Amino acid sequence: MKKIATLAEAYYTPLAPHCTQSYLGMTASFHVTASVPLFLIHESYDNELLGQIVRPHWTKDSDGYVSLPTGVGLCVDIDEQALARIAADPDFQYHWRGPSRLSDGSVADY
C-alpha cells in the first residue's frame, strides 16, 4: 500500500484503502495510512467475534472515525484464552464468505 500511496502522491491523487481483514489486519492498515500524506478515507468492517480475540489499541466513535493505534508494536492484544476456547469448540463455525460462484462454477462478484 505504501508504494501505491507514493505513486498516487506524485499525481496528487488521494488514497482510499479498503480492508476486510480482522482487527489485526485493520490495525496494520491504519499504521500505514497514518503515514500517507494524501490519505482520504479507510473502509473496513467490524467483526464482533474476532473482537473477542483481538483487542486493538484504537477507538472508533459513533460517526465511524478511528483514532491512531497507540502502544508498542502492532498495538493489539490477543486474548489467548478466548482463542483457545473458540478453537476447542467443535461446533464453532466461522467461515469466510468468499466470492460467489455461478452455476457453471465461475467466480462472480460478491
PDB file of N, CA and C in Angstrom:
ATOM      1  N   MET A   1       0.826  -1.184   0.000  1.00  0.00           N
ATOM      2  CA  MET A   1       0.000   0.000   0.000  1.00  0.00           C
ATOM      3  C   MET A   1       0.873   1.251   0.000  1.00  0.00           C
ATOM      4  N   LYS A   2       1.984   1.204   0.686  1.00  0.00           N
ATOM      5  CA  LYS A   2       2.851   2.390   0.779  1.00  0.00           C
ATOM      6  C   LYS A   2       3.411   2.760  -0.597  1.00  0.00           C
ATOM      7  N   LYS A   3       3.750   1.777  -1.409  1.00  0.00           N
ATOM      8  CA  LYS A   3       4.261   2.065  -2.751  1.00  0.00           C
ATOM      9  C   LYS A   3       3.165   2.691  -3.620  1.00  0.00           C
ATOM     10  N   ILE A   4       1.958   2.192  -3.505  1.00  0.00           N
ATOM     11  CA  ILE A   4       0.835   2.759  -4.254  1.00  0.00           C
ATOM     12  C   ILE A   4       0.580   4.188  -3.787  1.00  0.00           C
ATOM     13  N   ALA A   5       0.650   4.422  -2.486  1.00  0.00           N
ATOM     14  CA  ALA A   5       0.434   5.767  -1.943  1.00  0.00           C
ATOM     15  C   ALA A   5       1.496   6.742  -2.444  1.00  0.00           C
ATOM     16  N   THR A   6       2.734   6.284  -2.557  1.00  0.00           N
ATOM     17  CA  THR A   6       3.805   7.147  -3.054  1.00  0.00           C
ATOM     18  C   THR A   6       3.559   7.521  -4.515  1.00  0.00           C
ATOM     19  N   LEU A   7       3.147   6.560  -5.318  1.00  0.00           N
ATOM     20  CA  LEU A   7       2.845   6.836  -6.714  1.00  0.00           C
ATOM     21  C   LEU A   7       1.638   7.771  -6.830  1.00  0.00           C
ATOM     22  N   ALA A   8       0.611   7.524  -6.010  1.00  0.00           N
ATOM     23  CA  ALA A   8      -0.572   8.390  -6.030  1.00  0.00           C
ATOM     24  C   ALA A   8      -0.214   9.817  -5.636  1.00  0.00           C
ATOM     25  N   GLU A   9       0.675   9.961  -4.667  1.00  0.00           N
ATOM     26  CA  GLU A   9       1.088  11.294  -4.225  1.00  0.00           C
ATOM     27  C   GLU A   9       1.769  12.065  -5.348  1.00  0.00           C
ATOM     28  N   ALA A  10       2.544  11.370  -6.181  1.00  0.00           N
ATOM     29  CA  ALA A  10       3.230  12.022  -7.298  1.00  0.00           C
ATOM     30  C   ALA A  10       2.237  12.649  -8.275  1.00  0.00           C
ATOM     31  N   TYR A  11       1.031  12.094  -8.319  1.00  0.00           N
ATOM     32  CA  TYR A  11      -0.010  12.619  -9.218  1.00  0.00           C
ATOM     33  C   TYR A  11      -1.116  13.351  -8.455  1.00  0.00           C
ATOM     34  N   TYR A  12      -0.839  13.708  -7.207  1.00  0.00           N
ATOM     35  CA  TYR A  12      -1.788  14.439  -6.360  1.00  0.00           C
ATOM     36  C   TYR A  12      -3.135  13.720  -6.277  1.00  0.00           C
ATOM     37  N   THR A  13      -3.075  12.410  -6.115  1.00  0.00           N
ATOM     38  CA  THR A  13      -4.283  11.586  -6.039  1.00  0.00           C
ATOM     39  C   THR A  13      -4.411  11.034  -4.624  1.00  0.00           C
ATOM     40  N   PRO A  14      -5.526  11.270  -3.949  1.00  0.00           N
ATOM     41  CA  PRO A  14      -5.693  10.741  -2.591  1.00  0.00           C
ATOM     42  C   PRO A  14      -5.853   9.224  -2.583  1.00  0.00           C
ATOM     43  N   LEU A  15      -5.540   8.631  -1.466  1.00  0.00           N
ATOM     44  CA  LEU A  15      -5.612   7.176  -1.303  1.00  0.00           C
ATOM     45  C   LEU A  15      -6.799   6.821  -0.420  1.00  0.00           C
ATOM     46  N   ALA A  16      -7.573   5.824  -0.839  1.00  0.00           N
ATOM     47  CA  ALA A  16      -8.732   5.348  -0.070  1.00  0.00           C
ATOM     48  C   ALA A  16      -8.653   3.826   0.034  1.00  0.00           C
ATOM     49  N   PRO A  17      -7.834   3.301   0.956  1.00  0.00           N
ATOM     50  CA  PRO A  17      -7.675   1.848   1.054  1.00  0.00           C
ATOM     51  C   PRO A  17      -8.930   1.158   1.589  1.00  0.00           C
ATOM     52  N   HIS A  18      -8.999  -0.119   1.320  1.00  0.00           N
ATOM     53  CA  HIS A  18     -10.126  -0.958   1.717  1.00  0.00           C
ATOM     54  C   HIS A  18      -9.545  -2.188   2.405  1.00  0.00           C
ATOM     55  N   CYS A  19     -10.057  -2.545   3.576  1.00  0.00           N
ATOM     56  CA  CYS A  19      -9.518  -3.673   4.334  1.00  0.00           C
ATOM     57  C   CYS A  19     -10.659  -4.472   4.942  1.00  0.00           C
ATOM     58  N   THR A  20     -10.801  -5.722   4.532  1.00  0.00           N
ATOM     59  CA  THR A  20     -11.845  -6.575   5.094  1.00  0.00           C
ATOM     60  C   THR A  20     -11.247  -7.616   6.040  1.00  0.00           C
ATOM     61  N   GLN A  21     -10.112  -7.305   6.603  1.00  0.00           N
ATOM     62  CA  GLN A  21      -9.429  -8.233   7.490  1.00  0.00           C
ATOM     63  C   GLN A  21      -9.978  -8.152   8.912  1.00  0.00           C
ATOM     64  N   SER A  22      -9.348  -8.876   9.795  1.00  0.00           N
ATOM     65  CA  SER A  22      -9.680  -8.809  11.210  1.00  0.00           C
ATOM     66  C   SER A  22      -9.143  -7.511  11.798  1.00  0.00           C
ATOM     67  N   TYR A  23      -9.349  -7.316  13.086  1.00  0.00           N
ATOM     68  CA  TYR A  23      -8.792  -6.145  13.760  1.00  0.00           C
ATOM     69  C   TYR A  23      -7.272  -6.117  13.636  1.00  0.00           C
ATOM     70  N   LEU A  24      -6.660  -7.255  13.538  1.00  0.00           N
ATOM     71  CA  LEU A  24      -5.210  -7.319  13.372  1.00  0.00           C
ATOM     72  C   LEU A  24      -4.814  -6.686  12.035  1.00  0.00           C
ATOM     73  N   GLY A  25      -5.480  -7.086  10.957  1.00  0.00           N
ATOM     74  CA  GLY A  25      -5.204  -6.515   9.644  1.00  0.00           C
ATOM     75  C   GLY A  25      -5.585  -5.054   9.552  1.00  0.00           C
ATOM     76  N   MET A  26      -6.722  -4.702  10.174  1.00  0.00           N
ATOM     77  CA  MET A  26      -7.154  -3.308  10.161  1.00  0.00           C
ATOM     78  C   MET A  26      -6.138  -2.415  10.864  1.00  0.00           C
ATOM     79  N   THR A  27      -5.629  -2.874  12.011  1.00  0.00           N
ATOM     80  CA  THR A  27      -4.667  -2.078  12.768  1.00  0.00           C
ATOM     81  C   THR A  27      -3.382  -1.877  11.964  1.00  0.00           C
ATOM     82  N   ALA A  28      -2.920  -2.932  11.303  1.00  0.00           N
ATOM     83  CA  ALA A  28      -1.725  -2.805  10.463  1.00  0.00           C
ATOM     84  C   ALA A  28      -1.975  -1.807   9.337  1.00  0.00           C
ATOM     85  N   SER A  29      -3.155  -1.865   8.746  1.00  0.00           N
ATOM     86  CA  SER A  29      -3.506  -0.946   7.669  1.00  0.00           C
ATOM     87  C   SER A  29      -3.601   0.484   8.179  1.00  0.00           C
ATOM     88  N   PHE A  30      -4.140   0.677   9.386  1.00  0.00           N
ATOM     89  CA  PHE A  30      -4.219   2.022   9.975  1.00  0.00           C
ATOM     90  C   PHE A  30      -2.822   2.604  10.201  1.00  0.00           C
ATOM     91  N   HIS A  31      -1.858   1.747  10.579  1.00  0.00           N
ATOM     92  CA  HIS A  31      -0.485   2.209  10.771  1.00  0.00           C
ATOM     93  C   HIS A  31       0.060   2.797   9.469  1.00  0.00           C
ATOM     94  N   VAL A  32      -0.184   2.102   8.366  1.00  0.00           N
ATOM     95  CA  VAL A  32       0.330   2.580   7.074  1.00  0.00           C
ATOM     96  C   VAL A  32      -0.377   3.860   6.656  1.00  0.00           C
ATOM     97  N   THR A  33      -1.701   3.897   6.777  1.00  0.00           N
ATOM     98  CA  THR A  33      -2.431   5.086   6.323  1.00  0.00           C
ATOM     99  C   THR A  33      -2.075   6.320   7.145  1.00  0.00           C
ATOM    100  N   ALA A  34      -1.611   6.133   8.362  1.00  0.00           N
ATOM    101  CA  ALA A  34      -1.193   7.277   9.182  1.00  0.00           C
ATOM    102  C   ALA A  34       0.022   7.971   8.582  1.00  0.00           C
ATOM    103  N   SER A  35       0.744   7.276   7.706  1.00  0.00           N
ATOM    104  CA  SER A  35       1.939   7.865   7.100  1.00  0.00           C
ATOM    105  C   SER A  35       1.706   8.331   5.667  1.00  0.00           C
ATOM    106  N   VAL A  36       0.462   8.292   5.201  1.00  0.00           N
ATOM    107  CA  VAL A  36       0.154   8.674   3.821  1.00  0.00           C
ATOM    108  C   VAL A  36      -0.279  10.134   3.780  1.00  0.00           C
ATOM    109  N   PRO A  37       0.456  10.983   3.042  1.00  0.00           N
ATOM    110  CA  PRO A  37       0.127  12.414   3.008  1.00  0.00           C
ATOM    111  C   PRO A  37      -1.257  12.718   2.423  1.00  0.00           C
ATOM    112  N   LEU A  38      -1.680  12.013   1.397  1.00  0.00           N
ATOM    113  CA  LEU A  38      -2.962  12.301   0.747  1.00  0.00           C
ATOM    114  C   LEU A  38      -4.012  11.251   1.091  1.00  0.00           C
ATOM    115  N   PHE A  39      -3.976  10.774   2.322  1.00  0.00           N
ATOM    116  CA  PHE A  39      -4.963   9.792   2.786  1.00  0.00           C
ATOM    117  C   PHE A  39      -6.352  10.429   2.791  1.00  0.00           C
ATOM    118  N   LEU A  40      -7.335   9.745   2.218  1.00  0.00           N
ATOM    119  CA  LEU A  40      -8.686  10.275   2.127  1.00  0.00           C
ATOM    120  C   LEU A  40      -9.638   9.582   3.100  1.00  0.00           C
ATOM    121  N   ILE A  41      -9.782   8.282   2.977  1.00  0.00           N
ATOM    122  CA  ILE A  41     -10.722   7.518   3.789  1.00  0.00           C
ATOM    123  C   ILE A  41     -10.259   6.069   3.827  1.00  0.00           C
ATOM    124  N   HIS A  42     -10.631   5.353   4.876  1.00  0.00           N
ATOM    125  CA  HIS A  42     -10.263   3.944   5.003  1.00  0.00           C
ATOM    126  C   HIS A  42     -11.536   3.149   5.251  1.00  0.00           C
ATOM    127  N   GLU A  43     -11.828   2.207   4.389  1.00  0.00           N
ATOM    128  CA  GLU A  43     -13.013   1.375   4.563  1.00  0.00           C
ATOM    129  C   GLU A  43     -12.617   0.060   5.220  1.00  0.00           C
ATOM    130  N   SER A  44     -13.363  -0.332   6.235  1.00  0.00           N
ATOM    131  CA  SER A  44     -13.109  -1.599   6.910  1.00  0.00           C
ATOM    132  C   SER A  44     -14.402  -2.070   7.566  1.00  0.00           C
ATOM    133  N   TYR A  45     -14.401  -3.289   8.029  1.00  0.00           N
ATOM    134  CA  TYR A  45     -15.592  -3.893   8.612  1.00  0.00           C
ATOM    135  C   TYR A  45     -15.290  -4.435   9.993  1.00  0.00           C
ATOM    136  N   ASP A  46     -16.183  -4.168  10.928  1.00  0.00           N
ATOM    137  CA  ASP A  46     -16.041  -4.733  12.265  1.00  0.00           C
ATOM    138  C   ASP A  46     -16.440  -6.203  12.232  1.00  0.00           C
ATOM    139  N   ASN A  47     -15.827  -6.975  13.102  1.00  0.00           N
ATOM    140  CA  ASN A  47     -16.175  -8.379  13.252  1.00  0.00           C
ATOM    141  C   ASN A  47     -16.250  -8.653  14.746  1.00  0.00           C
ATOM    142  N   GLU A  48     -17.463  -8.769  15.265  1.00  0.00           N
ATOM    143  CA  GLU A  48     -17.648  -8.905  16.711  1.00  0.00           C
ATOM    144  C   GLU A  48     -16.969 -10.146  17.271  1.00  0.00           C
ATOM    145  N   LEU A  49     -17.005 -11.256  16.533  1.00  0.00           N
ATOM    146  CA  LEU A  49     -16.380 -12.478  17.022  1.00  0.00           C
ATOM    147  C   LEU A  49     -14.875 -12.301  17.148  1.00  0.00           C
ATOM    148  N   LEU A  50     -14.247 -11.780  16.108  1.00  0.00           N
ATOM    149  CA  LEU A  50     -12.803 -11.580  16.174  1.00  0.00           C
ATOM    150  C   LEU A  50     -12.437 -10.501  17.177  1.00  0.00           C
ATOM    151  N   GLY A  51     -13.376  -9.602  17.482  1.00  0.00           N
ATOM    152  CA  GLY A  51     -13.154  -8.592  18.504  1.00  0.00           C
ATOM    153  C   GLY A  51     -13.051  -9.181  19.897  1.00  0.00           C
ATOM    154  N   GLN A  52     -13.548 -10.411  20.072  1.00  0.00           N
ATOM    155  CA  GLN A  52     -13.410 -11.097  21.356  1.00  0.00           C
ATOM    156  C   GLN A  52     -11.996 -11.641  21.526  1.00  0.00           C
ATOM    157  N   ILE A  53     -11.304 -11.849  20.425  1.00  0.00           N
ATOM    158  CA  ILE A  53      -9.968 -12.436  20.458  1.00  0.00           C
ATOM    159  C   ILE A  53      -8.886 -11.364  20.368  1.00  0.00           C
ATOM    160  N   VAL A  54      -9.059 -10.430  19.449  1.00  0.00           N
ATOM    161  CA  VAL A  54      -8.080  -9.369  19.205  1.00  0.00           C
ATOM    162  C   VAL A  54      -8.643  -8.061  19.724  1.00  0.00           C
ATOM    163  N   ARG A  55      -7.906  -7.438  20.632  1.00  0.00           N
ATOM    164  CA  ARG A  55      -8.336  -6.155  21.193  1.00  0.00           C
ATOM    165  C   ARG A  55      -7.372  -5.064  20.727  1.00  0.00           C
ATOM    166  N   PRO A  56      -7.820  -4.243  19.802  1.00  0.00           N
ATOM    167  CA  PRO A  56      -6.932  -3.206  19.276  1.00  0.00           C
ATOM    168  C   PRO A  56      -6.796  -2.026  20.239  1.00  0.00           C
ATOM    169  N   HIS A  57      -5.706  -1.297  20.100  1.00  0.00           N
ATOM    170  CA  HIS A  57      -5.456  -0.102  20.911  1.00  0.00           C
ATOM    171  C   HIS A  57      -5.822   1.144  20.115  1.00  0.00           C
ATOM    172  N   TRP A  58      -7.014   1.147  19.546  1.00  0.00           N
ATOM    173  CA  TRP A  58      -7.577   2.314  18.882  1.00  0.00           C
ATOM    174  C   TRP A  58      -9.072   2.291  19.154  1.00  0.00           C
ATOM    175  N   THR A  59      -9.690   3.429  18.992  1.00  0.00           N
ATOM    176  CA  THR A  59     -11.124   3.524  19.261  1.00  0.00           C
ATOM    177  C   THR A  59     -11.845   4.037  18.018  1.00  0.00           C
ATOM    178  N   LYS A  60     -13.129   3.728  17.958  1.00  0.00           N
ATOM    179  CA  LYS A  60     -13.970   4.210  16.865  1.00  0.00           C
ATOM    180  C   LYS A  60     -15.158   4.937  17.477  1.00  0.00           C
ATOM    181  N   ASP A  61     -15.416   6.158  17.011  1.00  0.00           N
ATOM    182  CA  ASP A  61     -16.542   6.910  17.567  1.00  0.00           C
ATOM    183  C   ASP A  61     -17.835   6.578  16.810  1.00  0.00           C
ATOM    184  N   SER A  62     -18.930   7.192  17.217  1.00  0.00           N
ATOM    185  CA  SER A  62     -20.245   6.879  16.650  1.00  0.00           C
ATOM    186  C   SER A  62     -20.362   7.268  15.174  1.00  0.00           C
ATOM    187  N   ASP A  63     -19.502   8.160  14.714  1.00  0.00           N
ATOM    188  CA  ASP A  63     -19.509   8.555  13.300  1.00  0.00           C
ATOM    189  C   ASP A  63     -18.597   7.683  12.452  1.00  0.00           C
ATOM    190  N   GLY A  64     -17.889   6.740  13.085  1.00  0.00           N
ATOM    191  CA  GLY A  64     -17.011   5.845  12.352  1.00  0.00           C
ATOM    192  C   GLY A  64     -15.571   6.300  12.249  1.00  0.00           C
ATOM    193  N   TYR A  65     -15.228   7.413  12.906  1.00  0.00           N
ATOM    194  CA  TYR A  65     -13.845   7.896  12.887  1.00  0.00           C
ATOM    195  C   TYR A  65     -13.006   7.071  13.859  1.00  0.00           C
ATOM    196  N   VAL A  66     -11.813   6.699  13.421  1.00  0.00           N
ATOM    197  CA  VAL A  66     -10.934   5.839  14.205  1.00  0.00           C
ATOM    198  C   VAL A  66      -9.715   6.636  14.646  1.00  0.00           C
ATOM    199  N   SER A  67      -9.314   6.423  15.902  1.00  0.00           N
ATOM    200  CA  SER A  67      -8.092   7.072  16.399  1.00  0.00           C
ATOM    201  C   SER A  67      -6.879   6.310  15.874  1.00  0.00           C
ATOM    202  N   LEU A  68      -5.720   6.939  15.969  1.00  0.00           N
ATOM    203  CA  LEU A  68      -4.498   6.248  15.590  1.00  0.00           C
ATOM    204  C   LEU A  68      -4.190   5.157  16.616  1.00  0.00           C
ATOM    205  N   PRO A  69      -3.621   4.027  16.179  1.00  0.00           N
ATOM    206  CA  PRO A  69      -3.224   2.996  17.133  1.00  0.00           C
ATOM    207  C   PRO A  69      -2.147   3.536  18.071  1.00  0.00           C
ATOM    208  N   THR A  70      -2.239   3.186  19.343  1.00  0.00           N
ATOM    209  CA  THR A  70      -1.245   3.612  20.326  1.00  0.00           C
ATOM    210  C   THR A  70      -0.686   2.391  21.029  1.00  0.00           C
ATOM    211  N   GLY A  71       0.543   2.474  21.451  1.00  0.00           N
ATOM    212  CA  GLY A  71       1.150   1.377  22.180  1.00  0.00           C
ATOM    213  C   GLY A  71       2.419   0.900  21.506  1.00  0.00           C
ATOM    214  N   VAL A  72       2.786  -0.315  21.840  1.00  0.00           N
ATOM    215  CA  VAL A  72       4.028  -0.909  21.374  1.00  0.00           C
ATOM    216  C   VAL A  72       3.728  -1.938  20.282  1.00  0.00           C
ATOM    217  N   GLY A  73       4.583  -2.013  19.296  1.00  0.00           N
ATOM    218  CA  GLY A  73       4.428  -3.000  18.236  1.00  0.00           C
ATOM    219  C   GLY A  73       3.223  -2.694  17.369  1.00  0.00           C
ATOM    220  N   LEU A  74       2.440  -3.705  17.067  1.00  0.00           N
ATOM    221  CA  LEU A  74       1.272  -3.522  16.221  1.00  0.00           C
ATOM    222  C   LEU A  74       0.121  -2.860  16.973  1.00  0.00           C
ATOM    223  N   CYS A  75       0.197  -2.812  18.286  1.00  0.00           N
ATOM    224  CA  CYS A  75      -0.810  -2.136  19.126  1.00  0.00           C
ATOM    225  C   CYS A  75      -2.112  -2.922  19.231  1.00  0.00           C
ATOM    226  N   VAL A  76      -2.007  -4.218  19.412  1.00  0.00           N
ATOM    227  CA  VAL A  76      -3.172  -5.057  19.673  1.00  0.00           C
ATOM    228  C   VAL A  76      -2.819  -6.048  20.772  1.00  0.00           C
ATOM    229  N   ASP A  77      -3.837  -6.484  21.499  1.00  0.00           N
ATOM    230  CA  ASP A  77      -3.674  -7.552  22.482  1.00  0.00           C
ATOM    231  C   ASP A  77      -4.452  -8.764  21.983  1.00  0.00           C
ATOM    232  N   ILE A  78      -3.855  -9.947  22.094  1.00  0.00           N
ATOM    233  CA  ILE A  78      -4.511 -11.186  21.713  1.00  0.00           C
ATOM    234  C   ILE A  78      -4.942 -11.885  22.997  1.00  0.00           C
ATOM    235  N   ASP A  79      -6.234 -12.175  23.116  1.00  0.00           N
ATOM    236  CA  ASP A  79      -6.747 -12.909  24.273  1.00  0.00           C
ATOM    237  C   ASP A  79      -6.563 -14.399  23.976  1.00  0.00           C
ATOM    238  N   GLU A  80      -5.456 -14.942  24.435  1.00  0.00           N
ATOM    239  CA  GLU A  80      -5.115 -16.327  24.118  1.00  0.00           C
ATOM    240  C   GLU A  80      -6.098 -17.318  24.721  1.00  0.00           C
ATOM    241  N   GLN A  81      -6.674 -16.998  25.873  1.00  0.00           N
ATOM    242  CA  GLN A  81      -7.663 -17.900  26.472  1.00  0.00           C
ATOM    243  C   GLN A  81      -8.932 -17.948  25.626  1.00  0.00           C
ATOM    244  N   ALA A  82      -9.388 -16.800  25.145  1.00  0.00           N
ATOM    245  CA  ALA A  82     -10.572 -16.773  24.276  1.00  0.00           C
ATOM    246  C   ALA A  82     -10.285 -17.506  22.973  1.00  0.00           C
ATOM    247  N   LEU A  83      -9.099 -17.335  22.431  1.00  0.00           N
ATOM    248  CA  LEU A  83      -8.714 -18.010  21.198  1.00  0.00           C
ATOM    249  C   LEU A  83      -8.707 -19.525  21.402  1.00  0.00           C
ATOM    250  N   ALA A  84      -8.136 -19.994  22.518  1.00  0.00           N
ATOM    251  CA  ALA A  84      -8.103 -21.427  22.813  1.00  0.00           C
ATOM    252  C   ALA A  84      -9.515 -21.976  23.014  1.00  0.00           C
ATOM    253  N   ARG A  85     -10.376 -21.201  23.678  1.00  0.00           N
ATOM    254  CA  ARG A  85     -11.755 -21.634  23.922  1.00  0.00           C
ATOM    255  C   ARG A  85     -12.521 -21.778  22.594  1.00  0.00           C
ATOM    256  N   ILE A  86     -12.384 -20.802  21.728  1.00  0.00           N
ATOM    257  CA  ILE A  86     -13.089 -20.859  20.444  1.00  0.00           C
ATOM    258  C   ILE A  86     -12.510 -21.962  19.564  1.00  0.00           C
ATOM    259  N   ALA A  87     -11.194 -22.116  19.568  1.00  0.00           N
ATOM    260  CA  ALA A  87     -10.552 -23.147  18.749  1.00  0.00           C
ATOM    261  C   ALA A  87     -10.919 -24.549  19.218  1.00  0.00           C
ATOM    262  N   ALA A  88     -11.205 -24.725  20.512  1.00  0.00           N
ATOM    263  CA  ALA A  88     -11.542 -26.040  21.049  1.00  0.00           C
ATOM    264  C   ALA A  88     -13.015 -26.397  20.864  1.00  0.00           C
ATOM    265  N   ASP A  89     -13.834 -25.447  20.443  1.00  0.00           N
ATOM    266  CA  ASP A  89     -15.273 -25.683  20.283  1.00  0.00           C
ATOM    267  C   ASP A  89     -15.530 -26.417  18.969  1.00  0.00           C
ATOM    268  N   PRO A  90     -15.960 -27.698  19.029  1.00  0.00           N
ATOM    269  CA  PRO A  90     -16.186 -28.459  17.789  1.00  0.00           C
ATOM    270  C   PRO A  90     -17.372 -27.927  16.975  1.00  0.00           C
ATOM    271  N   ASP A  91     -18.256 -27.167  17.609  1.00  0.00           N
ATOM    272  CA  ASP A  91     -19.415 -26.619  16.898  1.00  0.00           C
ATOM    273  C   ASP A  91     -19.158 -25.235  16.319  1.00  0.00           C
ATOM    274  N   PHE A  92     -17.966 -24.718  16.559  1.00  0.00           N
ATOM    275  CA  PHE A  92     -17.639 -23.379  16.071  1.00  0.00           C
ATOM    276  C   PHE A  92     -17.589 -23.390  14.552  1.00  0.00           C
ATOM    277  N   GLN A  93     -18.352 -22.488  13.967  1.00  0.00           N
ATOM    278  CA  GLN A  93     -18.378 -22.400  12.506  1.00  0.00           C
ATOM    279  C   GLN A  93     -18.224 -20.947  12.094  1.00  0.00           C
ATOM    280  N   TYR A  94     -17.018 -20.599  11.766  1.00  0.00           N
ATOM    281  CA  TYR A  94     -16.773 -19.258  11.239  1.00  0.00           C
ATOM    282  C   TYR A  94     -16.134 -19.446   9.876  1.00  0.00           C
ATOM    283  N   HIS A  95     -16.903 -19.201   8.874  1.00  0.00           N
ATOM    284  CA  HIS A  95     -16.407 -19.389   7.517  1.00  0.00           C
ATOM    285  C   HIS A  95     -16.358 -18.046   6.812  1.00  0.00           C
ATOM    286  N   TRP A  96     -15.232 -17.788   6.208  1.00  0.00           N
ATOM    287  CA  TRP A  96     -15.124 -16.587   5.405  1.00  0.00           C
ATOM    288  C   TRP A  96     -15.961 -16.794   4.157  1.00  0.00           C
ATOM    289  N   ARG A  97     -16.854 -15.862   3.926  1.00  0.00           N
ATOM    290  CA  ARG A  97     -17.711 -15.956   2.748  1.00  0.00           C
ATOM    291  C   ARG A  97     -16.990 -15.274   1.603  1.00  0.00           C
ATOM    292  N   GLY A  98     -16.352 -16.071   0.808  1.00  0.00           N
ATOM    293  CA  GLY A  98     -15.597 -15.538  -0.320  1.00  0.00           C
ATOM    294  C   GLY A  98     -16.504 -15.200  -1.487  1.00  0.00           C
ATOM    295  N   PRO A  99     -15.926 -15.040  -2.666  1.00  0.00           N
ATOM    296  CA  PRO A  99     -16.722 -14.693  -3.834  1.00  0.00           C
ATOM    297  C   PRO A  99     -17.779 -15.755  -4.133  1.00  0.00           C
ATOM    298  N   SER A 100     -18.902 -15.321  -4.623  1.00  0.00           N
ATOM    299  CA  SER A 100     -19.965 -16.244  -5.009  1.00  0.00           C
ATOM    300  C   SER A 100     -19.564 -16.971  -6.279  1.00  0.00           C
ATOM    301  N   ARG A 101     -20.168 -18.109  -6.497  1.00  0.00           N
ATOM    302  CA  ARG A 101     -19.910 -18.877  -7.717  1.00  0.00           C
ATOM    303  C   ARG A 101     -21.207 -19.014  -8.494  1.00  0.00           C
ATOM    304  N   LEU A 102     -21.088 -18.921  -9.788  1.00  0.00           N
ATOM    305  CA  LEU A 102     -22.236 -19.109 -10.658  1.00  0.00           C
ATOM    306  C   LEU A 102     -22.462 -20.598 -10.882  1.00  0.00           C
ATOM    307  N   SER A 103     -23.576 -20.963 -11.520  1.00  0.00           N
ATOM    308  CA  SER A 103     -23.921 -22.371 -11.700  1.00  0.00           C
ATOM    309  C   SER A 103     -22.865 -23.120 -12.514  1.00  0.00           C
ATOM    310  N   ASP A 104     -22.113 -22.426 -13.370  1.00  0.00           N
ATOM    311  CA  ASP A 104     -21.072 -23.088 -14.161  1.00  0.00           C
ATOM    312  C   ASP A 104     -19.739 -23.175 -13.410  1.00  0.00           C
ATOM    313  N   GLY A 105     -19.710 -22.667 -12.161  1.00  0.00           N
ATOM    314  CA  GLY A 105     -18.502 -22.734 -11.333  1.00  0.00           C
ATOM    315  C   GLY A 105     -17.617 -21.508 -11.423  1.00  0.00           C
ATOM    316  N   SER A 106     -17.934 -20.583 -12.319  1.00  0.00           N
ATOM    317  CA  SER A 106     -17.091 -19.391 -12.445  1.00  0.00           C
ATOM    318  C   SER A 106     -17.348 -18.449 -11.264  1.00  0.00           C
ATOM    319  N   VAL A 107     -16.350 -17.622 -10.961  1.00  0.00           N
ATOM    320  CA  VAL A 107     -16.417 -16.706  -9.827  1.00  0.00           C
ATOM    321  C   VAL A 107     -17.223 -15.476 -10.215  1.00  0.00           C
ATOM    322  N   ALA A 108     -18.147 -15.093  -9.325  1.00  0.00           N
ATOM    323  CA  ALA A 108     -18.969 -13.888  -9.537  1.00  0.00           C
ATOM    324  C   ALA A 108     -18.560 -12.837  -8.522  1.00  0.00           C
ATOM    325  N   ASP A 109     -19.088 -11.640  -8.681  1.00  0.00           N
ATOM    326  CA  ASP A 109     -18.866 -10.581  -7.720  1.00  0.00           C
ATOM    327  C   ASP A 109     -19.517 -10.964  -6.398  1.00  0.00           C
ATOM    328  N   TYR A 110     -19.182 -10.263  -5.330  1.00  0.00           N
ATOM    329  CA  TYR A 110     -19.715 -10.569  -4.008  1.00  0.00           C
ATOM    330  C   TYR A 110     -21.204 -10.420  -3.963  1.00  0.00           C
TER     331      TYR A 110
END
